[in-house]
Amino acid sequence: MKEKISITIDKKILKASDSIIDNVFIRNRSHAIEHLLRQALGDQRSAVILCGGDEEKIRISPTEFRPTARIGKGNLIEYNIKKLRQEGFKNIFIIARHKVLSDIFSLLKDGSSFGVQVKYVEEKASAGTADSLRLAKGPCNSSFLVAYGHVLFTKINISHLWKEHLTRNHLATLLLTTSKKPAEKGVIIMEGSNILDFIQKPASSDNNLVFSPIFVAEPAIFDYAGKSLELDVFPVLAKNGLLGGTMSAHKELHVHNAAEARAISTSYVN
């Protein structure tokens, strides 16, 4: 939600601010000032990592869950935290159930050794991704990033996704990629940067543009009803013209089981 204000500013600073208006990403003076303020406040960027759901369903071995899967010389969650810090995200919220949180805490502690602050939010129960995400309501009171806990996203240009969101008027901006099996994903119908429809795991699809499980959102997303982001929230946002998307040059890597973790480990170079 935006608020109209009146400010007094030095002419030279105003001229410098106006110089970044390109009528593409930065469309006017207000947009330029807001953009520069957001950049200056980069240290306050927040990210939410969703690791919720039934613990046994996300267990991949007797000693590992998907977020704690061993990848090369580290663990999936460790690589992702390092990536977030590189991209300027210092406030990290991890949402998961008790056993998963305990294992993640044993790796990250308070996050200080990674240069971030990690806060743990215990999920007692949830019926979907939207239910899980609402546990971050309150602490996330400005634009924030969301990533799913089973995804390795170290090759993704998160800064581009962040910039795309801040320079457009969408409530949420999804990272998009292509898939040879779109019926297993969230299929996207879009025009320009606007997502016109979001269809989760359709019976069939000849459209290979899909949702990569990373997005940026505004706090207003917490107010939308529904248990699932993919089934309930995203389709409504798309219908109301509030959902945007941007393509990724690289694909994220998924860890659903131990075999996928081993496959990534054999070829992964951080």
Protein backbone atom coordinates (compact mmCIF):
# COMPACT_ATOMS: atom_id res chain seq x y z
CA MET A 1 0.00 0.00 0.00
CA LYS A 2 1.36 3.40 -0.97
CA GLU A 3 0.94 6.73 0.82
CA LYS A 4 1.18 10.20 -0.70
CA ILE A 5 3.61 12.54 1.11
CA SER A 6 5.23 15.95 0.65
CA ILE A 7 9.00 16.33 1.16
CA THR A 8 11.71 19.00 0.80
CA ILE A 9 14.88 17.88 -0.97
CA ASP A 10 18.13 19.45 -2.20
CA LYS A 11 17.94 20.39 -5.93
CA LYS A 12 21.18 18.57 -6.78
CA ILE A 13 19.97 15.38 -5.12
CA LEU A 14 16.63 15.68 -6.91
CA LYS A 15 18.41 16.13 -10.25
CA ALA A 16 20.53 13.05 -9.58
CA SER A 17 17.40 11.12 -8.67
CA ASP A 18 15.68 12.20 -11.88
CA SER A 19 18.65 10.97 -13.91
CA ILE A 20 17.76 7.32 -13.29
CA ILE A 21 14.28 7.68 -14.81
CA ASP A 22 14.35 5.52 -17.95
CA ASN A 23 10.59 5.21 -18.61
CA VAL A 24 11.03 1.43 -18.54
CA PHE A 25 12.03 0.32 -15.06
CA ILE A 26 11.87 3.74 -13.42
CA ARG A 27 8.88 5.59 -14.81
CA ASN A 28 8.65 8.85 -12.85
CA ARG A 29 10.13 10.94 -10.03
CA SER A 30 8.18 9.21 -7.26
CA HIS A 31 9.23 5.84 -8.60
CA ALA A 32 12.88 6.95 -8.73
CA ILE A 33 12.89 8.16 -5.12
CA GLU A 34 11.18 4.99 -3.94
CA HIS A 35 13.68 2.87 -5.87
CA LEU A 36 16.68 4.67 -4.36
CA LEU A 37 15.24 4.40 -0.86
CA ARG A 38 14.70 0.68 -1.28
CA GLN A 39 18.30 0.29 -2.44
CA ALA A 40 19.55 2.27 0.55
CA LEU A 41 17.53 0.03 2.84
CA GLY A 42 18.94 -3.11 1.25
CA ASP A 43 20.35 -4.30 4.56
CA GLN A 44 16.77 -4.63 5.77
CA ARG A 45 15.78 -7.09 3.05
CA SER A 46 13.94 -10.11 4.37
CA ALA A 47 13.55 -13.61 2.96
CA VAL A 48 11.28 -16.47 4.01
CA ILE A 49 12.26 -20.08 3.39
CA LEU A 50 9.26 -22.42 3.45
CA CYS A 51 10.22 -25.84 4.83
CA GLY A 52 6.82 -26.75 6.25
CA GLY A 53 4.66 -29.79 5.87
CA ASP A 54 4.63 -33.26 7.38
CA GLU A 55 8.14 -34.09 8.56
CA GLU A 56 8.11 -37.67 7.35
CA LYS A 57 7.02 -36.60 3.87
CA ILE A 58 10.06 -34.36 3.49
CA ARG A 59 12.51 -36.81 5.07
CA ILE A 60 14.94 -38.20 2.47
CA SER A 61 17.05 -40.43 4.73
CA PRO A 62 17.19 -41.44 8.41
CA THR A 63 19.36 -38.37 9.10
CA GLU A 64 18.28 -35.85 6.46
CA PHE A 65 15.31 -33.77 5.44
CA ARG A 66 15.08 -32.04 2.06
CA PRO A 67 16.40 -28.66 3.36
CA THR A 68 19.31 -30.33 5.15
CA ALA A 69 20.28 -32.65 2.28
CA ARG A 70 24.01 -33.06 1.82
CA ILE A 71 25.17 -31.40 -1.41
CA GLY A 72 28.87 -31.71 -2.13
CA LYS A 73 30.77 -30.32 0.85
CA GLY A 74 27.78 -28.59 2.42
CA ASN A 75 24.05 -28.75 2.93
CA LEU A 76 21.31 -27.33 0.74
CA ILE A 77 20.14 -24.82 3.35
CA GLU A 78 23.70 -23.58 3.93
CA TYR A 79 24.27 -22.86 0.24
CA ASN A 80 20.98 -20.98 0.03
CA ILE A 81 21.72 -18.87 3.10
CA LYS A 82 25.10 -17.89 1.64
CA LYS A 83 23.41 -16.96 -1.63
CA LEU A 84 20.84 -14.81 0.15
CA ARG A 85 23.58 -12.97 2.03
CA GLN A 86 25.42 -12.30 -1.23
CA GLU A 87 22.20 -10.80 -2.61
CA GLY A 88 21.76 -8.48 0.39
CA PHE A 89 19.20 -10.43 2.44
CA LYS A 90 20.16 -10.35 6.08
CA ASN A 91 16.87 -11.15 7.81
CA ILE A 92 15.97 -14.78 7.15
CA PHE A 93 12.82 -16.49 8.45
CA ILE A 94 12.69 -20.28 8.27
CA ILE A 95 9.27 -21.90 8.66
CA ALA A 96 9.19 -25.61 9.47
CA ARG A 97 8.04 -28.15 12.01
CA HIS A 98 9.96 -28.98 15.16
CA LYS A 99 12.32 -31.75 14.01
CA VAL A 100 13.21 -29.96 10.78
CA LEU A 101 13.84 -26.69 12.63
CA SER A 102 16.08 -28.50 15.11
CA ASP A 103 18.21 -30.00 12.34
CA ILE A 104 18.44 -26.66 10.50
CA PHE A 105 19.37 -24.87 13.73
CA SER A 106 22.22 -27.32 14.28
CA LEU A 107 23.65 -26.15 10.94
CA LEU A 108 22.93 -22.44 11.02
CA LYS A 109 22.52 -21.47 14.68
CA ASP A 110 21.54 -17.78 14.75
CA GLY A 111 23.04 -17.19 11.31
CA SER A 112 25.83 -14.88 12.53
CA SER A 113 28.57 -17.08 11.06
CA PHE A 114 26.90 -16.58 7.66
CA GLY A 115 26.50 -12.83 8.12
CA VAL A 116 22.73 -12.98 8.52
CA GLN A 117 20.13 -13.17 11.26
CA VAL A 118 18.09 -16.36 11.14
CA LYS A 119 14.75 -16.52 12.92
CA TYR A 120 12.94 -19.81 13.34
CA VAL A 121 9.17 -20.04 13.09
CA GLU A 122 7.66 -23.34 14.19
CA GLU A 123 4.74 -24.66 12.19
CA LYS A 124 2.41 -26.79 14.29
CA ALA A 125 0.20 -27.74 11.34
CA SER A 126 -0.74 -26.41 7.92
CA ALA A 127 -2.88 -27.37 4.97
CA GLY A 128 -0.69 -25.77 2.30
CA THR A 129 1.91 -23.21 1.34
CA ALA A 130 -0.32 -20.20 2.02
CA ASP A 131 -1.02 -21.47 5.54
CA SER A 132 2.71 -21.82 6.14
CA LEU A 133 3.57 -18.42 4.72
CA ARG A 134 1.04 -16.63 6.96
CA LEU A 135 3.23 -17.53 9.94
CA ALA A 136 5.57 -14.77 8.70
CA LYS A 137 2.81 -12.15 8.90
CA GLY A 138 3.93 -9.29 11.13
CA PRO A 139 7.70 -9.63 10.90
CA CYS A 140 7.55 -9.27 7.10
CA ASN A 141 6.07 -5.77 6.85
CA SER A 142 7.68 -4.67 3.57
CA SER A 143 8.63 -6.36 0.29
CA PHE A 144 10.08 -9.82 0.97
CA LEU A 145 11.45 -12.83 -0.89
CA VAL A 146 10.01 -16.34 -0.58
CA ALA A 147 11.83 -19.54 -1.55
CA TYR A 148 10.79 -23.15 -1.09
CA GLY A 149 13.03 -25.20 1.19
CA HIS A 150 13.67 -28.12 -1.17
CA VAL A 151 15.12 -25.89 -3.90
CA LEU A 152 18.80 -25.08 -4.48
CA PHE A 153 18.82 -21.60 -6.00
CA THR A 154 22.47 -20.53 -5.92
CA LYS A 155 22.58 -20.00 -9.70
CA ILE A 156 19.44 -17.84 -9.79
CA ASN A 157 19.71 -14.07 -10.32
CA ILE A 158 17.67 -13.05 -7.30
CA SER A 159 18.64 -9.38 -7.66
CA HIS A 160 16.95 -9.29 -11.07
CA LEU A 161 13.75 -10.78 -9.63
CA TRP A 162 13.86 -8.27 -6.77
CA LYS A 163 14.37 -5.33 -9.11
CA GLU A 164 11.57 -6.46 -11.42
CA HIS A 165 9.19 -6.58 -8.48
CA LEU A 166 10.15 -3.17 -7.13
CA THR A 167 9.79 -1.48 -10.49
CA ARG A 168 6.31 -2.80 -11.28
CA ASN A 169 2.93 -2.59 -9.57
CA HIS A 170 2.32 -6.22 -8.72
CA LEU A 171 1.47 -7.65 -5.34
CA ALA A 172 3.69 -10.64 -6.11
CA THR A 173 6.29 -11.35 -8.80
CA LEU A 174 7.07 -14.97 -9.62
CA LEU A 175 10.30 -16.35 -11.00
CA LEU A 176 9.54 -18.30 -14.17
CA THR A 177 11.32 -20.98 -16.14
CA THR A 178 10.44 -23.66 -18.68
CA SER A 179 9.73 -27.34 -18.17
CA LYS A 180 9.42 -30.38 -20.41
CA LYS A 181 6.75 -31.63 -18.00
CA PRO A 182 4.59 -28.54 -17.37
CA ALA A 183 1.64 -30.62 -16.16
CA GLU A 184 3.70 -31.37 -13.03
CA LYS A 185 4.20 -27.66 -12.28
CA GLY A 186 2.31 -24.41 -11.95
CA VAL A 187 1.63 -23.39 -15.55
CA ILE A 188 1.74 -19.69 -16.41
CA ILE A 189 -0.26 -17.76 -19.00
CA MET A 190 1.18 -14.27 -19.39
CA GLU A 191 1.34 -11.14 -21.49
CA GLY A 192 4.34 -8.89 -21.09
CA SER A 193 5.22 -8.98 -17.40
CA ASN A 194 1.61 -9.67 -16.34
CA ILE A 195 0.52 -13.17 -15.42
CA LEU A 196 -3.02 -13.63 -16.72
CA ASP A 197 -3.61 -17.09 -15.27
CA PHE A 198 -1.92 -19.56 -12.93
CA ILE A 199 -2.93 -23.22 -13.32
CA GLN A 200 -1.47 -25.65 -10.82
CA LYS A 201 -0.63 -29.09 -12.27
CA PRO A 202 -3.18 -29.12 -15.11
CA ALA A 203 -4.29 -32.46 -16.54
CA SER A 204 -2.35 -31.55 -19.67
CA SER A 205 -0.61 -28.50 -21.09
CA ASP A 206 1.14 -27.48 -24.29
CA ASN A 207 2.53 -24.39 -22.54
CA ASN A 208 5.96 -25.03 -21.03
CA LEU A 209 6.21 -21.76 -19.06
CA VAL A 210 6.07 -22.63 -15.36
CA PHE A 211 6.53 -21.25 -11.85
CA SER A 212 9.98 -21.65 -10.36
CA PRO A 213 9.28 -21.78 -6.60
CA ILE A 214 10.80 -18.40 -5.75
CA PHE A 215 8.93 -15.10 -5.64
CA VAL A 216 8.84 -11.61 -4.16
CA ALA A 217 5.68 -10.33 -2.49
CA GLU A 218 4.13 -7.48 -0.56
CA PRO A 219 2.69 -7.99 2.95
CA ALA A 220 -0.85 -7.69 1.54
CA ILE A 221 -0.47 -11.26 0.26
CA PHE A 222 -1.08 -12.47 3.82
CA ASP A 223 -4.65 -11.18 3.62
CA TYR A 224 -5.69 -13.40 0.72
CA ALA A 225 -7.76 -16.41 1.71
CA GLY A 226 -6.89 -19.99 0.88
CA LYS A 227 -4.70 -22.82 2.06
CA SER A 228 -2.43 -23.01 -0.97
CA LEU A 229 -0.51 -20.29 -2.79
CA GLU A 230 -0.65 -22.28 -6.01
CA LEU A 231 -4.30 -23.38 -5.86
CA ASP A 232 -5.90 -20.43 -4.10
CA VAL A 233 -3.83 -17.24 -3.88
CA PHE A 234 -1.89 -17.01 -7.15
CA PRO A 235 -4.93 -17.66 -9.40
CA VAL A 236 -6.87 -14.88 -7.65
CA LEU A 237 -3.97 -12.43 -7.91
CA ALA A 238 -3.64 -13.24 -11.62
CA LYS A 239 -7.36 -12.68 -12.21
CA ASN A 240 -7.14 -9.30 -10.47
CA GLY A 241 -4.06 -8.16 -12.43
CA LEU A 242 -1.82 -8.28 -9.35
CA LEU A 243 0.52 -11.10 -10.33
CA GLY A 244 3.69 -10.54 -12.32
CA GLY A 245 6.50 -12.73 -13.56
CA THR A 246 10.03 -12.60 -14.87
CA MET A 247 12.08 -15.24 -16.67
CA SER A 248 15.18 -16.82 -15.20
CA ALA A 249 18.19 -17.63 -17.37
CA HIS A 250 19.00 -20.53 -15.06
CA LYS A 251 16.90 -23.28 -13.57
CA GLU A 252 16.69 -24.07 -9.89
CA LEU A 253 17.57 -27.57 -8.69
CA HIS A 254 15.05 -29.62 -6.73
CA VAL A 255 15.74 -32.12 -3.96
CA HIS A 256 12.70 -34.32 -3.38
CA ASN A 257 14.62 -37.45 -2.42
CA ALA A 258 18.07 -38.86 -1.69
CA ALA A 259 18.65 -39.85 -5.32
CA GLU A 260 18.18 -36.25 -6.48
CA ALA A 261 20.54 -35.03 -3.75
CA ARG A 262 23.21 -37.50 -4.89
CA ALA A 263 22.73 -36.55 -8.54
CA ILE A 264 23.22 -32.87 -7.75
CA SER A 265 26.23 -33.61 -5.57
CA THR A 266 28.08 -35.36 -8.39
CA SER A 267 27.92 -32.32 -10.66
CA TYR A 268 27.40 -29.36 -8.35
CA VAL A 269 30.09 -26.72 -8.12
CA ASN A 270 29.37 -23.83 -5.75
